[in-house]
Amino acid sequence: MYVYPVIFSPQEEGGFCVYAPNIKGCITEAESIAEGIIKIREGLSGMLYMLERDEQPIPTPSDISTVICNKGEFVSLIDVPLDGYNYSKEPLEVKLNI
């Protein structure tokens, strides 16, 4: 599991822009803080999964106390579990009993 700081930036039209300053290109928009947490966690999980899968270096998370926010923004730590991802190249078989 990884833990990264993310910045929530309120938007004039409502909602938030949410981004992870340590992971280039990891940005999303959300109507609420709760939705922002879910969406940025999904984005971080996907990006970190691809880096691990491709044996690329994982960016080191910044210490939350060093993250600089603009006026009105706030920072939060987001946990990013990767244990639910399929690292094999084989498709998963899922059986459902209904």
C-alpha atoms as a PDB file:
ATOM      1  CA  MET A   1       0.000   0.000   0.000  1.00  0.00           C
ATOM      2  CA  TYR A   2       1.127   3.513  -0.778  1.00  0.00           C
ATOM      3  CA  VAL A   3       0.058   6.807   0.813  1.00  0.00           C
ATOM      4  CA  TYR A   4       0.242   9.998  -1.255  1.00  0.00           C
ATOM      5  CA  PRO A   5      -0.687  13.610  -0.554  1.00  0.00           C
ATOM      6  CA  VAL A   6      -3.348  15.017  -2.865  1.00  0.00           C
ATOM      7  CA  ILE A   7      -4.560  18.572  -3.271  1.00  0.00           C
ATOM      8  CA  PHE A   8      -8.230  19.532  -3.396  1.00  0.00           C
ATOM      9  CA  SER A   9      -8.782  22.764  -5.278  1.00  0.00           C
ATOM     10  CA  PRO A  10     -12.324  24.209  -5.079  1.00  0.00           C
ATOM     11  CA  GLN A  11     -13.689  25.307  -8.469  1.00  0.00           C
ATOM     12  CA  GLU A  12     -15.707  28.478  -9.087  1.00  0.00           C
ATOM     13  CA  GLU A  13     -18.497  26.495 -10.726  1.00  0.00           C
ATOM     14  CA  GLY A  14     -18.617  24.100  -7.773  1.00  0.00           C
ATOM     15  CA  GLY A  15     -16.890  20.859  -7.011  1.00  0.00           C
ATOM     16  CA  PHE A  16     -13.180  20.220  -6.847  1.00  0.00           C
ATOM     17  CA  CYS A  17     -10.158  19.617  -8.994  1.00  0.00           C
ATOM     18  CA  VAL A  18      -8.144  16.911  -7.229  1.00  0.00           C
ATOM     19  CA  TYR A  19      -4.547  16.078  -8.104  1.00  0.00           C
ATOM     20  CA  ALA A  20      -1.520  14.215  -6.815  1.00  0.00           C
ATOM     21  CA  PRO A  21       1.543  16.461  -7.108  1.00  0.00           C
ATOM     22  CA  ASN A  22       3.959  13.499  -6.970  1.00  0.00           C
ATOM     23  CA  ILE A  23       2.345  11.606  -9.855  1.00  0.00           C
ATOM     24  CA  LYS A  24       2.510  13.527 -13.127  1.00  0.00           C
ATOM     25  CA  GLY A  25      -0.863  13.585 -14.869  1.00  0.00           C
ATOM     26  CA  CYS A  26      -2.880  12.176 -11.970  1.00  0.00           C
ATOM     27  CA  ILE A  27      -5.762  14.646 -11.835  1.00  0.00           C
ATOM     28  CA  THR A  28      -9.538  14.400 -11.670  1.00  0.00           C
ATOM     29  CA  GLU A  29     -12.657  16.468 -11.043  1.00  0.00           C
ATOM     30  CA  ALA A  30     -15.360  15.739  -8.499  1.00  0.00           C
ATOM     31  CA  GLU A  31     -18.610  17.218  -7.224  1.00  0.00           C
ATOM     32  CA  SER A  32     -17.765  16.496  -3.578  1.00  0.00           C
ATOM     33  CA  ILE A  33     -14.816  15.711  -1.344  1.00  0.00           C
ATOM     34  CA  ALA A  34     -16.016  12.108  -0.965  1.00  0.00           C
ATOM     35  CA  GLU A  35     -16.255  11.651  -4.729  1.00  0.00           C
ATOM     36  CA  GLY A  36     -12.825  13.259  -5.111  1.00  0.00           C
ATOM     37  CA  ILE A  37     -11.283  10.762  -2.704  1.00  0.00           C
ATOM     38  CA  ILE A  38     -12.773   7.833  -4.608  1.00  0.00           C
ATOM     39  CA  LYS A  39     -11.774   9.151  -8.033  1.00  0.00           C
ATOM     40  CA  ILE A  40      -8.206  10.170  -7.136  1.00  0.00           C
ATOM     41  CA  ARG A  41      -7.652   6.824  -5.380  1.00  0.00           C
ATOM     42  CA  GLU A  42      -8.768   5.025  -8.556  1.00  0.00           C
ATOM     43  CA  GLY A  43      -6.457   7.187 -10.665  1.00  0.00           C
ATOM     44  CA  LEU A  44      -3.496   6.679  -8.352  1.00  0.00           C
ATOM     45  CA  SER A  45      -4.129   2.934  -8.176  1.00  0.00           C
ATOM     46  CA  GLY A  46      -4.154   2.614 -11.952  1.00  0.00           C
ATOM     47  CA  MET A  47      -1.051   4.721 -12.478  1.00  0.00           C
ATOM     48  CA  LEU A  48       0.947   3.028  -9.713  1.00  0.00           C
ATOM     49  CA  TYR A  49      -0.167  -0.392 -10.911  1.00  0.00           C
ATOM     50  CA  MET A  50       1.147   0.375 -14.415  1.00  0.00           C
ATOM     51  CA  LEU A  51       4.459   1.621 -13.027  1.00  0.00           C
ATOM     52  CA  GLU A  52       4.888  -1.528 -10.912  1.00  0.00           C
ATOM     53  CA  ARG A  53       3.797  -3.814 -13.737  1.00  0.00           C
ATOM     54  CA  ASP A  54       6.271  -2.182 -16.124  1.00  0.00           C
ATOM     55  CA  GLU A  55       9.009  -2.270 -13.449  1.00  0.00           C
ATOM     56  CA  GLN A  56       9.310   1.521 -13.485  1.00  0.00           C
ATOM     57  CA  PRO A  57      10.352   3.511 -10.405  1.00  0.00           C
ATOM     58  CA  ILE A  58       7.531   4.544  -8.086  1.00  0.00           C
ATOM     59  CA  PRO A  59       7.697   8.268  -7.201  1.00  0.00           C
ATOM     60  CA  THR A  60       8.390   8.915  -3.545  1.00  0.00           C
ATOM     61  CA  PRO A  61       5.438  10.552  -1.792  1.00  0.00           C
ATOM     62  CA  SER A  62       6.091  14.033  -0.411  1.00  0.00           C
ATOM     63  CA  ASP A  63       5.806  14.660   3.294  1.00  0.00           C
ATOM     64  CA  ILE A  64       2.408  16.305   3.766  1.00  0.00           C
ATOM     65  CA  SER A  65       4.029  19.193   5.654  1.00  0.00           C
ATOM     66  CA  THR A  66       6.030  20.157   2.554  1.00  0.00           C
ATOM     67  CA  VAL A  67       3.087  20.287   0.120  1.00  0.00           C
ATOM     68  CA  ILE A  68       2.308  23.864  -0.895  1.00  0.00           C
ATOM     69  CA  CYS A  69      -1.329  24.769  -1.522  1.00  0.00           C
ATOM     70  CA  ASN A  70      -2.759  27.863  -3.143  1.00  0.00           C
ATOM     71  CA  LYS A  71      -5.362  29.972  -1.366  1.00  0.00           C
ATOM     72  CA  GLY A  72      -8.544  27.957  -0.757  1.00  0.00           C
ATOM     73  CA  GLU A  73      -6.914  24.598  -1.461  1.00  0.00           C
ATOM     74  CA  PHE A  74      -6.247  21.870   1.079  1.00  0.00           C
ATOM     75  CA  VAL A  75      -4.130  18.744   1.155  1.00  0.00           C
ATOM     76  CA  SER A  76      -5.076  15.273   2.340  1.00  0.00           C
ATOM     77  CA  LEU A  77      -3.341  11.906   2.465  1.00  0.00           C
ATOM     78  CA  ILE A  78      -4.838   9.146   0.319  1.00  0.00           C
ATOM     79  CA  ASP A  79      -4.085   5.468   0.818  1.00  0.00           C
ATOM     80  CA  VAL A  80      -3.605   3.520  -2.396  1.00  0.00           C
ATOM     81  CA  PRO A  81      -3.949  -0.262  -2.038  1.00  0.00           C
ATOM     82  CA  LEU A  82      -2.771  -2.275  -5.034  1.00  0.00           C
ATOM     83  CA  ASP A  83      -3.456  -5.777  -3.748  1.00  0.00           C
ATOM     84  CA  GLY A  84      -6.731  -5.972  -5.694  1.00  0.00           C
ATOM     85  CA  TYR A  85      -5.026  -5.597  -9.061  1.00  0.00           C
ATOM     86  CA  ASN A  86      -4.260  -8.528 -11.326  1.00  0.00           C
ATOM     87  CA  TYR A  87      -0.515  -8.537 -12.033  1.00  0.00           C
ATOM     88  CA  SER A  88      -0.642 -11.553 -14.327  1.00  0.00           C
ATOM     89  CA  LYS A  89      -1.218 -11.235 -18.030  1.00  0.00           C
ATOM     90  CA  GLU A  90      -3.824 -13.993 -17.888  1.00  0.00           C
ATOM     91  CA  PRO A  91      -7.494 -12.985 -17.738  1.00  0.00           C
ATOM     92  CA  LEU A  92      -9.250 -13.620 -14.450  1.00  0.00           C
ATOM     93  CA  GLU A  93     -12.108 -16.065 -14.309  1.00  0.00           C
ATOM     94  CA  VAL A  94     -15.014 -14.941 -12.162  1.00  0.00           C
ATOM     95  CA  LYS A  95     -17.823 -17.282 -11.154  1.00  0.00           C
ATOM     96  CA  LEU A  96     -21.092 -15.869  -9.902  1.00  0.00           C
ATOM     97  CA  ASN A  97     -23.854 -17.800  -8.207  1.00  0.00           C
ATOM     98  CA  ILE A  98     -27.206 -16.147  -8.642  1.00  0.00           C
END
